C-alpha cells in the first residue's frame, strides 16, 4: 500500500497557483519533501493532512480517498506541524494522555501503557511530570513526534521538524523518525534543510515553484549534478565577481584568498577543477533559475 497523488492543483483566490499538476507516489519508509521557502510545501502538506481542499486532483491514502473519507484518513495519520503548540495546564504525560484520548484510545489502562511506552521511546520519561510548555525546544519536538505516533498510524507527516534544533537534537529526532519508519510506515518529512533528507530518506521529491522537479533516491539526484560542481582558490576580487554570477555553495578563507565550491555548467574561472557533488550541490542546481534552460536542454 502507498499514497498515490494524481493531478493535484491548488489555486488561491488571489490567483496564486501554489501547486501545479502534482503527480506522485509515496511508498512506505522515510520520504523527503524538499524545497525552498515558497515552493508550495506548506500547501501540499495541508492538503495531505486534510486541512485544506485542492482545486483539483485526487489523493488515495492506503485505500482511502482523502476528499471523501477524511475521518478514516485521520485515524491512520499522525501529524507534527511546524508550529506545534502545547496546552499550558498540562504536564508532559498529561498532554500525551490527552493526545491519545483524542486519537481514539478510550481505555485508561491502554492509554497509560501507551503513554509510558512513548515517553520512554522519545527519552522523556524522566521529565513526564514537567509541564509541557517548560520543556526545551528539542524536548518539545520529541513530545510532538510522540503525540503523532501515539495511535500507531500508517502515515506520519512532519513539517520542518528540525528547524531551530541544535545538531545533537537534530540527530536524535531523525533517529526517532527512522526507527518509526521501520514498521512499514510512510513518513513524509517536509523540510528545506538538505541534511535532514540526505541522512535519513531513501526516497525524496523536490518541489519548486509548485511543481515536481525530481522524484527518486537522493543518490540519483546527486548523479544529475555530476560535472557541474567546481572547486577553485581565488583572490578577493575574483571571488566577488564569481559570487555575483554563480551559486557559490562553500567559501573557506585561505592565505591567498578564498577556496570556493561553485555550481556551474562551465568552469567559473581559470584553474577551477571538477568536484564530486553532494545533495546540497544537486539541490541548488535544480532550484536555481539560472539552470532552467540548461536542464531542459
Protein backbone atom coordinates (compact mmCIF):
# COMPACT_ATOMS: atom_id res chain seq x y z
CA UNK A 1 0.00 0.00 0.00
CA UNK A 2 1.10 3.57 -0.58
CA UNK A 3 -0.04 7.14 -1.13
CA UNK A 4 -0.98 7.95 -4.72
CA UNK A 5 -1.41 11.58 -5.79
CA UNK A 6 -2.77 12.45 -9.23
CA UNK A 7 -3.19 15.81 -10.95
CA UNK A 8 -3.07 17.84 -7.74
CA UNK A 9 -3.60 21.59 -8.17
CA UNK A 10 -4.20 24.42 -5.73
CA UNK A 11 -5.12 27.91 -6.92
CA UNK A 12 -5.81 30.51 -4.24
CA UNK A 13 -8.49 33.22 -4.65
CA UNK A 14 -5.75 35.77 -5.39
CA UNK A 15 -4.70 33.73 -8.43
CA UNK A 16 -1.57 32.23 -6.88
CA UNK A 17 -1.10 28.77 -8.42
CA UNK A 18 0.59 27.14 -5.41
CA UNK A 19 0.57 23.57 -6.78
CA UNK A 20 0.66 22.70 -10.47
CA UNK A 21 -0.36 19.23 -11.65
CA UNK A 22 1.49 17.28 -8.95
CA UNK A 23 1.67 13.52 -9.62
CA UNK A 24 3.46 11.46 -7.00
CA UNK A 25 3.55 8.03 -5.35
CA UNK A 26 4.87 7.85 -1.79
CA UNK A 27 5.92 4.35 -0.64
CA UNK A 28 6.39 3.15 2.96
CA UNK A 29 9.58 4.36 4.65
CA UNK A 30 11.16 7.78 5.02
CA UNK A 31 10.19 10.07 2.16
CA UNK A 32 11.67 13.55 1.89
CA UNK A 33 9.79 16.58 0.58
CA UNK A 34 12.49 19.13 -0.13
CA UNK A 35 12.13 22.63 -1.47
CA UNK A 36 12.87 26.30 -0.79
CA UNK A 37 10.54 28.61 1.07
CA UNK A 38 7.59 29.45 -1.17
CA UNK A 39 7.88 26.23 -3.18
CA UNK A 40 4.40 25.05 -2.19
CA UNK A 41 5.42 22.60 0.55
CA UNK A 42 3.09 24.03 3.20
CA UNK A 43 0.12 23.97 0.82
CA UNK A 44 0.93 20.39 -0.16
CA UNK A 45 1.19 19.31 3.49
CA UNK A 46 -2.08 20.99 4.49
CA UNK A 47 -3.89 19.20 1.67
CA UNK A 48 -2.23 15.90 2.57
CA UNK A 49 -3.38 16.07 6.21
CA UNK A 50 -6.93 17.04 5.17
CA UNK A 51 -6.77 20.61 6.47
CA UNK A 52 -7.25 22.13 3.02
CA UNK A 53 -9.03 21.06 -0.15
CA UNK A 54 -7.23 21.10 -3.50
CA UNK A 55 -8.62 22.94 -6.50
CA UNK A 56 -8.45 19.68 -8.46
CA UNK A 57 -6.84 16.27 -8.33
CA UNK A 58 -7.03 13.23 -6.07
CA UNK A 59 -5.15 11.58 -3.20
CA UNK A 60 -5.55 7.92 -2.33
CA UNK A 61 -4.01 7.13 1.06
CA UNK A 62 -3.71 3.43 1.81
CA UNK A 63 -7.01 2.77 0.05
CA UNK A 64 -8.91 5.83 1.34
CA UNK A 65 -9.99 8.78 -0.77
CA UNK A 66 -8.73 11.77 1.21
CA UNK A 67 -11.52 14.02 -0.08
CA UNK A 68 -14.38 11.62 0.62
CA UNK A 69 -13.09 9.66 3.63
CA UNK A 70 -11.40 12.24 5.81
CA UNK A 71 -12.39 10.65 9.10
CA UNK A 72 -10.83 7.32 8.10
CA UNK A 73 -7.71 9.08 6.81
CA UNK A 74 -7.21 10.93 10.08
CA UNK A 75 -7.39 7.65 12.02
CA UNK A 76 -4.37 6.26 10.15
CA UNK A 77 -2.38 9.51 10.20
CA UNK A 78 -0.08 11.22 12.67
CA UNK A 79 0.85 14.85 12.13
CA UNK A 80 3.53 17.09 13.60
CA UNK A 81 3.03 20.66 12.31
CA UNK A 82 5.81 23.21 12.18
CA UNK A 83 4.07 25.44 14.74
CA UNK A 84 3.26 22.63 17.19
CA UNK A 85 1.69 24.18 20.32
CA UNK A 86 1.23 23.00 23.88
CA UNK A 87 -1.53 23.41 26.41
CA UNK A 88 -0.03 25.25 29.39
CA UNK A 89 -2.05 23.47 32.12
CA UNK A 90 -0.81 20.02 31.08
CA UNK A 91 2.20 18.15 32.36
CA UNK A 92 4.12 16.17 29.76
CA UNK A 93 2.42 12.84 30.48
CA UNK A 94 -0.99 14.56 30.75
CA UNK A 95 -0.57 16.15 27.36
CA UNK A 96 0.33 12.83 25.76
CA UNK A 97 -2.61 11.14 27.51
CA UNK A 98 -4.89 13.83 26.10
CA UNK A 99 -3.47 13.26 22.61
CA UNK A 100 -4.05 9.51 23.00
CA UNK A 101 -7.66 10.12 24.02
CA UNK A 102 -8.23 12.39 21.01
CA UNK A 103 -6.80 9.71 18.72
CA UNK A 104 -9.44 7.22 19.90
CA UNK A 105 -7.70 5.26 22.65
CA UNK A 106 -10.57 5.18 25.16
CA UNK A 107 -9.27 2.65 27.68
CA UNK A 108 -7.49 4.47 30.53
CA UNK A 109 -5.24 1.47 31.16
CA UNK A 110 -4.31 1.18 27.49
CA UNK A 111 -3.59 4.93 27.34
CA UNK A 112 -1.31 4.76 30.39
CA UNK A 113 0.65 1.84 28.91
CA UNK A 114 0.94 3.56 25.56
CA UNK A 115 1.91 6.93 27.08
CA UNK A 116 4.65 5.37 29.23
CA UNK A 117 5.94 3.42 26.22
CA UNK A 118 6.09 6.53 24.03
CA UNK A 119 7.71 8.70 26.71
CA UNK A 120 10.46 6.10 27.12
CA UNK A 121 10.98 5.77 23.37
CA UNK A 122 11.48 9.53 22.90
CA UNK A 123 13.58 9.94 26.04
CA UNK A 124 11.07 11.98 28.04
CA UNK A 125 10.02 9.51 30.74
CA UNK A 126 12.23 11.16 33.37
CA UNK A 127 10.55 14.54 32.78
CA UNK A 128 6.98 13.20 32.49
CA UNK A 129 5.84 15.39 35.42
CA UNK A 130 7.29 18.59 33.95
CA UNK A 131 4.83 20.99 32.35
CA UNK A 132 4.96 20.64 28.58
CA UNK A 133 5.47 24.35 27.98
CA UNK A 134 8.57 24.27 30.21
CA UNK A 135 10.40 21.71 28.10
CA UNK A 136 13.40 22.66 25.97
CA UNK A 137 12.94 23.15 22.23
CA UNK A 138 14.32 19.71 21.44
CA UNK A 139 12.17 18.04 24.08
CA UNK A 140 9.08 19.77 22.70
CA UNK A 141 9.79 18.39 19.22
CA UNK A 142 10.24 14.91 20.72
CA UNK A 143 6.93 15.23 22.55
CA UNK A 144 5.46 16.35 19.24
CA UNK A 145 6.58 13.19 17.47
CA UNK A 146 5.31 11.14 20.44
CA UNK A 147 1.80 12.55 20.01
CA UNK A 148 1.99 11.86 16.28
CA UNK A 149 2.95 8.21 16.96
CA UNK A 150 0.70 7.52 19.94
CA UNK A 151 -2.00 5.66 17.96
CA UNK A 152 0.35 3.64 15.71
CA UNK A 153 -0.53 5.45 12.45
CA UNK A 154 0.25 4.15 8.97
CA UNK A 155 1.19 7.63 7.74
CA UNK A 156 3.18 10.26 9.63
CA UNK A 157 3.62 13.79 8.29
CA UNK A 158 6.22 16.06 9.88
CA UNK A 159 6.65 19.67 8.76
CA UNK A 160 10.07 21.34 9.21
CA UNK A 161 10.76 19.24 12.34
CA UNK A 162 14.40 20.18 12.99
CA UNK A 163 14.27 23.93 12.43
CA UNK A 164 15.89 25.65 15.40
CA UNK A 165 17.28 22.46 16.94
CA UNK A 166 20.94 22.06 17.85
CA UNK A 167 22.92 19.35 15.98
CA UNK A 168 22.56 16.76 18.76
CA UNK A 169 18.78 17.15 18.97
CA UNK A 170 18.52 17.12 15.16
CA UNK A 171 20.29 13.76 15.02
CA UNK A 172 18.17 12.37 17.87
CA UNK A 173 14.98 13.47 16.13
CA UNK A 174 15.98 11.97 12.79
CA UNK A 175 16.81 8.68 14.54
CA UNK A 176 13.33 8.61 16.11
CA UNK A 177 11.73 9.03 12.68
CA UNK A 178 13.96 6.38 11.10
CA UNK A 179 13.02 3.91 13.84
CA UNK A 180 9.32 4.58 13.30
CA UNK A 181 9.71 4.11 9.54
CA UNK A 182 10.99 0.57 10.15
CA UNK A 183 7.44 -0.54 10.99
CA UNK A 184 6.25 -0.31 7.35
CA UNK A 185 5.01 3.24 7.95
CA UNK A 186 5.06 6.08 5.42
CA UNK A 187 6.84 9.06 6.97
CA UNK A 188 6.74 12.28 4.95
CA UNK A 189 9.43 14.70 6.04
CA UNK A 190 8.87 18.21 4.70
CA UNK A 191 11.93 20.43 5.04
CA UNK A 192 14.20 23.00 3.44
CA UNK A 193 17.21 21.57 5.32
CA UNK A 194 19.16 19.36 2.90
CA UNK A 195 20.91 17.46 5.70
CA UNK A 196 17.60 16.12 7.02
CA UNK A 197 17.00 14.41 3.68
CA UNK A 198 20.50 13.13 2.93
CA UNK A 199 20.90 11.44 6.32
CA UNK A 200 17.52 9.74 6.68
CA UNK A 201 15.45 9.38 3.47
CA UNK A 202 15.67 6.60 0.89
CA UNK A 203 13.30 8.41 -1.47
CA UNK A 204 12.51 12.07 -2.00
CA UNK A 205 10.87 14.62 -4.21
CA UNK A 206 11.99 18.14 -4.97
CA UNK A 207 9.21 20.72 -5.10
CA UNK A 208 9.98 24.06 -6.73
CA UNK A 209 7.53 26.80 -7.73
CA UNK A 210 4.62 24.43 -7.12
CA UNK A 211 5.91 21.74 -9.47
CA UNK A 212 7.76 18.46 -9.06
CA UNK A 213 11.34 18.89 -10.27
CA UNK A 214 12.63 15.46 -9.25
CA UNK A 215 11.45 12.15 -7.76
CA UNK A 216 13.78 9.34 -6.72
CA UNK A 217 16.60 8.43 -4.37
CA UNK A 218 18.91 11.21 -3.10
CA UNK A 219 21.80 9.42 -4.79
CA UNK A 220 20.05 9.75 -8.16
CA UNK A 221 19.66 13.49 -7.66
CA UNK A 222 23.33 13.79 -6.82
CA UNK A 223 24.30 11.97 -10.03
CA UNK A 224 22.44 14.58 -12.06
CA UNK A 225 24.81 17.24 -10.70
CA UNK A 226 27.99 15.38 -11.70
CA UNK A 227 30.21 17.53 -13.88
CA UNK A 228 28.53 20.70 -12.67
CA UNK A 229 30.39 21.43 -9.41
CA UNK A 230 33.75 23.20 -9.41
CA UNK A 231 36.34 23.97 -6.76
CA UNK A 232 38.84 26.80 -7.02
CA UNK A 233 41.07 29.05 -4.94
CA UNK A 234 40.62 32.68 -5.96
CA UNK A 235 41.68 36.15 -4.74
CA UNK A 236 39.16 38.58 -3.26
CA UNK A 237 38.38 40.46 -6.50
CA UNK A 238 37.70 37.25 -8.47
CA UNK A 239 35.60 35.88 -5.61
CA UNK A 240 33.34 38.93 -5.66
CA UNK A 241 32.83 38.57 -9.41
CA UNK A 242 32.04 34.83 -9.19
CA UNK A 243 29.72 35.36 -6.25
CA UNK A 244 27.61 37.74 -8.34
CA UNK A 245 27.38 35.41 -11.34
CA UNK A 246 27.17 31.88 -9.93
CA UNK A 247 25.66 29.94 -6.99
CA UNK A 248 28.58 29.67 -4.58
CA UNK A 249 28.00 26.81 -2.11
CA UNK A 250 31.10 26.87 0.09
CA UNK A 251 33.54 29.64 0.94
CA UNK A 252 36.62 28.93 3.07
CA UNK A 253 39.16 31.69 3.75
CA UNK A 254 42.73 30.71 2.83
CA UNK A 255 46.04 32.55 2.87
CA UNK A 256 45.77 33.92 -0.67
CA UNK A 257 42.02 34.44 -0.93
CA UNK A 258 39.10 32.01 -0.85
CA UNK A 259 38.54 28.34 -1.52
CA UNK A 260 35.11 28.08 -3.15
CA UNK A 261 32.73 25.45 -4.50
CA UNK A 262 30.54 26.65 -7.35
CA UNK A 263 27.63 25.12 -9.25
CA UNK A 264 28.08 25.92 -12.93
CA UNK A 265 27.73 24.29 -16.34
CA UNK A 266 31.22 25.53 -17.27
CA UNK A 267 34.36 26.38 -15.26
CA UNK A 268 33.64 29.64 -13.38
CA UNK A 269 37.26 30.78 -13.56
CA UNK A 270 40.73 29.80 -14.67
CA UNK A 271 42.14 26.93 -12.60
CA UNK A 272 38.74 25.60 -11.45
CA UNK A 273 38.61 21.81 -11.08
CA UNK A 274 35.63 19.47 -11.09
CA UNK A 275 34.47 18.45 -7.63
CA UNK A 276 32.33 15.48 -6.54
CA UNK A 277 28.80 16.80 -5.85
CA UNK A 278 26.75 16.23 -2.71
CA UNK A 279 23.00 16.65 -2.17
CA UNK A 280 23.33 20.35 -1.41
CA UNK A 281 25.06 20.97 -4.74
CA UNK A 282 22.36 19.00 -6.58
CA UNK A 283 19.60 20.86 -4.74
CA UNK A 284 20.99 24.23 -5.82
CA UNK A 285 21.35 23.01 -9.40
CA UNK A 286 17.67 22.04 -9.50
CA UNK A 287 16.17 25.13 -7.86
CA UNK A 288 18.33 27.92 -9.27
CA UNK A 289 16.55 29.56 -12.21
CA UNK A 290 19.89 30.09 -13.98
CA UNK A 291 19.88 26.40 -14.89
CA UNK A 292 16.28 26.08 -16.15
CA UNK A 293 17.09 26.13 -19.87
CA UNK A 294 20.22 24.06 -19.44
CA UNK A 295 18.38 21.25 -17.61
CA UNK A 296 15.60 21.21 -20.21
CA UNK A 297 18.14 21.02 -22.96
